[in-house]
């Protein structure tokens, strides 16, 4: 099995599929002495589909900042599908730098001009203080506030599939 390491803004192509590493805001480390020794990233994946390429954005585990996500949207154009975290955001004072809340997920949805987004990073592990079923409701409120149709950002149960 071949492993390819990428830094932010680097790309790799395999059998016509292009993988682009893009910034995410988090930290890395598994032990006491390896904090931030490795890079964390999201990915834009471009897949040939008929006469065009479909763009899929996987944000990864990330906090929000007003620069990186707008730059991803500017560099790649509209995403056909975005996978955005919506869970593990409370307590906000502690989680804000490394995890986004549903309002920030909606902002990223807009920043990358996503045609369809799916909420991830919720209901699998209890990492934050919010109840496991709270993120979809907070997403609903954030979409309502921005007047974005609920059909554009889905909070489906983990394991559900979607055709797009």
Protein backbone atom coordinates (compact mmCIF):
# COMPACT_ATOMS: atom_id res chain seq x y z
CA UNK A 1 0.00 0.00 0.00
CA UNK A 2 1.51 3.34 -1.04
CA UNK A 3 1.26 6.30 1.34
CA UNK A 4 1.61 9.86 0.07
CA UNK A 5 2.20 12.67 2.55
CA UNK A 6 0.90 16.11 1.60
CA UNK A 7 1.33 19.53 3.14
CA UNK A 8 -1.36 22.17 2.82
CA UNK A 9 -2.01 23.18 -0.80
CA UNK A 10 -0.14 20.15 -2.16
CA UNK A 11 -1.87 17.69 -4.48
CA UNK A 12 -1.65 14.09 -5.58
CA UNK A 13 -3.37 12.34 -8.49
CA UNK A 14 -4.29 8.67 -8.61
CA UNK A 15 -6.21 7.06 -11.49
CA UNK A 16 -7.70 10.41 -12.50
CA UNK A 17 -8.80 11.35 -8.97
CA UNK A 18 -7.08 14.42 -7.55
CA UNK A 19 -6.46 14.83 -3.83
CA UNK A 20 -5.66 18.30 -2.48
CA UNK A 21 -4.60 18.84 1.15
CA UNK A 22 -6.10 22.06 2.51
CA UNK A 23 -5.80 23.87 5.85
CA UNK A 24 -7.73 22.86 8.93
CA UNK A 25 -7.42 24.42 12.38
CA UNK A 26 -6.58 21.91 15.09
CA UNK A 27 -3.51 20.45 16.78
CA UNK A 28 -1.74 17.13 16.59
CA UNK A 29 -0.15 14.83 19.12
CA UNK A 30 -0.66 11.45 20.72
CA UNK A 31 1.96 11.53 23.46
CA UNK A 32 3.54 13.91 25.93
CA UNK A 33 6.36 15.09 23.64
CA UNK A 34 4.88 15.16 20.13
CA UNK A 35 2.50 18.16 20.24
CA UNK A 36 2.18 19.73 16.74
CA UNK A 37 4.96 17.59 15.24
CA UNK A 38 2.66 16.50 12.42
CA UNK A 39 0.25 18.42 10.20
CA UNK A 40 -3.56 18.25 10.38
CA UNK A 41 -5.54 18.86 7.22
CA UNK A 42 -8.78 18.74 5.31
CA UNK A 43 -9.05 17.53 1.72
CA UNK A 44 -10.64 18.54 -1.55
CA UNK A 45 -11.13 15.51 -3.77
CA UNK A 46 -11.89 15.97 -7.47
CA UNK A 47 -13.50 12.93 -9.10
CA UNK A 48 -14.14 12.66 -12.85
CA UNK A 49 -17.86 12.31 -13.50
CA UNK A 50 -19.17 12.27 -17.07
CA UNK A 51 -17.87 15.47 -18.72
CA UNK A 52 -16.96 17.28 -15.48
CA UNK A 53 -15.29 16.81 -12.13
CA UNK A 54 -17.24 16.49 -8.91
CA UNK A 55 -15.62 18.27 -5.97
CA UNK A 56 -15.90 16.79 -2.49
CA UNK A 57 -14.64 18.73 0.52
CA UNK A 58 -13.76 16.89 3.73
CA UNK A 59 -13.08 19.56 6.36
CA UNK A 60 -11.58 17.15 8.86
CA UNK A 61 -11.50 17.93 12.55
CA UNK A 62 -11.31 21.72 12.65
CA UNK A 63 -12.02 24.98 14.38
CA UNK A 64 -13.14 28.05 12.45
CA UNK A 65 -11.23 31.07 11.27
CA UNK A 66 -12.39 33.66 8.74
CA UNK A 67 -9.42 33.18 6.41
CA UNK A 68 -8.73 29.53 5.49
CA UNK A 69 -12.21 28.43 4.45
CA UNK A 70 -12.83 31.47 2.27
CA UNK A 71 -9.46 30.77 0.61
CA UNK A 72 -10.45 27.15 -0.03
CA UNK A 73 -13.69 28.35 -1.64
CA UNK A 74 -11.79 30.91 -3.73
CA UNK A 75 -9.14 28.43 -4.90
CA UNK A 76 -11.45 25.54 -5.78
CA UNK A 77 -14.82 27.13 -6.54
CA UNK A 78 -18.13 25.60 -5.54
CA UNK A 79 -18.05 22.22 -3.80
CA UNK A 80 -20.56 19.63 -4.93
CA UNK A 81 -20.49 17.96 -1.52
CA UNK A 82 -18.96 19.08 1.78
CA UNK A 83 -18.51 16.93 4.88
CA UNK A 84 -18.48 19.35 7.81
CA UNK A 85 -18.21 18.67 11.55
CA UNK A 86 -21.16 19.77 13.67
CA UNK A 87 -20.44 18.17 17.06
CA UNK A 88 -18.16 18.38 20.09
CA UNK A 89 -18.39 22.16 20.47
CA UNK A 90 -19.23 22.67 24.15
CA UNK A 91 -17.84 24.11 26.33
CA UNK A 92 -17.17 26.71 23.66
CA UNK A 93 -14.36 28.43 25.58
CA UNK A 94 -12.34 25.21 25.47
CA UNK A 95 -13.54 23.70 22.16
CA UNK A 96 -13.78 26.81 19.93
CA UNK A 97 -10.18 26.81 18.65
CA UNK A 98 -10.29 23.16 17.52
CA UNK A 99 -13.97 22.26 16.89
CA UNK A 100 -16.72 24.15 15.12
CA UNK A 101 -20.29 24.54 16.29
CA UNK A 102 -23.18 24.19 13.84
CA UNK A 103 -23.22 27.98 13.19
CA UNK A 104 -19.58 27.86 12.11
CA UNK A 105 -20.34 24.79 9.99
CA UNK A 106 -22.98 26.82 8.17
CA UNK A 107 -20.42 29.59 7.69
CA UNK A 108 -17.96 27.11 6.16
CA UNK A 109 -20.80 25.80 3.95
CA UNK A 110 -21.10 29.35 2.63
CA UNK A 111 -17.34 30.02 2.51
CA UNK A 112 -16.71 27.02 0.22
CA UNK A 113 -19.90 27.62 -1.80
CA UNK A 114 -21.16 24.12 -1.05
CA UNK A 115 -24.10 22.85 -3.09
CA UNK A 116 -24.80 20.15 -0.46
CA UNK A 117 -23.27 19.65 2.97
CA UNK A 118 -23.53 16.77 5.39
CA UNK A 119 -22.91 17.15 9.12
CA UNK A 120 -20.35 14.77 10.57
CA UNK A 121 -18.39 14.43 13.82
CA UNK A 122 -21.48 13.97 15.99
CA UNK A 123 -23.37 11.15 17.76
CA UNK A 124 -20.48 8.69 17.67
CA UNK A 125 -18.41 9.69 20.73
CA UNK A 126 -19.31 12.05 23.54
CA UNK A 127 -16.35 14.44 23.28
CA UNK A 128 -18.16 17.66 24.16
CA UNK A 129 -20.65 18.71 26.80
CA UNK A 130 -23.63 19.02 24.43
CA UNK A 131 -26.11 16.11 24.38
CA UNK A 132 -25.46 13.69 21.50
CA UNK A 133 -28.72 14.70 19.75
CA UNK A 134 -28.19 18.49 20.14
CA UNK A 135 -26.05 19.22 17.00
CA UNK A 136 -28.84 18.65 14.41
CA UNK A 137 -31.16 21.00 16.30
CA UNK A 138 -28.46 23.69 16.56
CA UNK A 139 -27.75 23.18 12.84
CA UNK A 140 -31.47 23.64 12.10
CA UNK A 141 -31.43 26.96 14.01
CA UNK A 142 -28.23 28.14 12.26
CA UNK A 143 -29.67 27.34 8.81
CA UNK A 144 -32.93 29.06 9.72
CA UNK A 145 -31.05 32.19 10.84
CA UNK A 146 -29.18 32.38 7.50
CA UNK A 147 -32.31 31.45 5.51
CA UNK A 148 -30.58 28.46 3.93
CA UNK A 149 -32.94 25.61 2.93
CA UNK A 150 -32.58 22.58 5.18
CA UNK A 151 -32.20 20.41 2.09
CA UNK A 152 -28.78 22.08 1.46
CA UNK A 153 -27.19 20.91 4.73
CA UNK A 154 -28.20 17.52 6.10
CA UNK A 155 -27.68 16.15 9.58
CA UNK A 156 -28.30 12.52 8.77
CA UNK A 157 -27.85 9.64 11.19
CA UNK A 158 -24.33 8.16 11.12
CA UNK A 159 -24.23 5.28 8.64
CA UNK A 160 -26.91 6.72 6.32
CA UNK A 161 -25.98 7.15 2.67
CA UNK A 162 -26.85 9.98 0.30
CA UNK A 163 -26.74 10.10 -3.49
CA UNK A 164 -25.71 13.47 -4.88
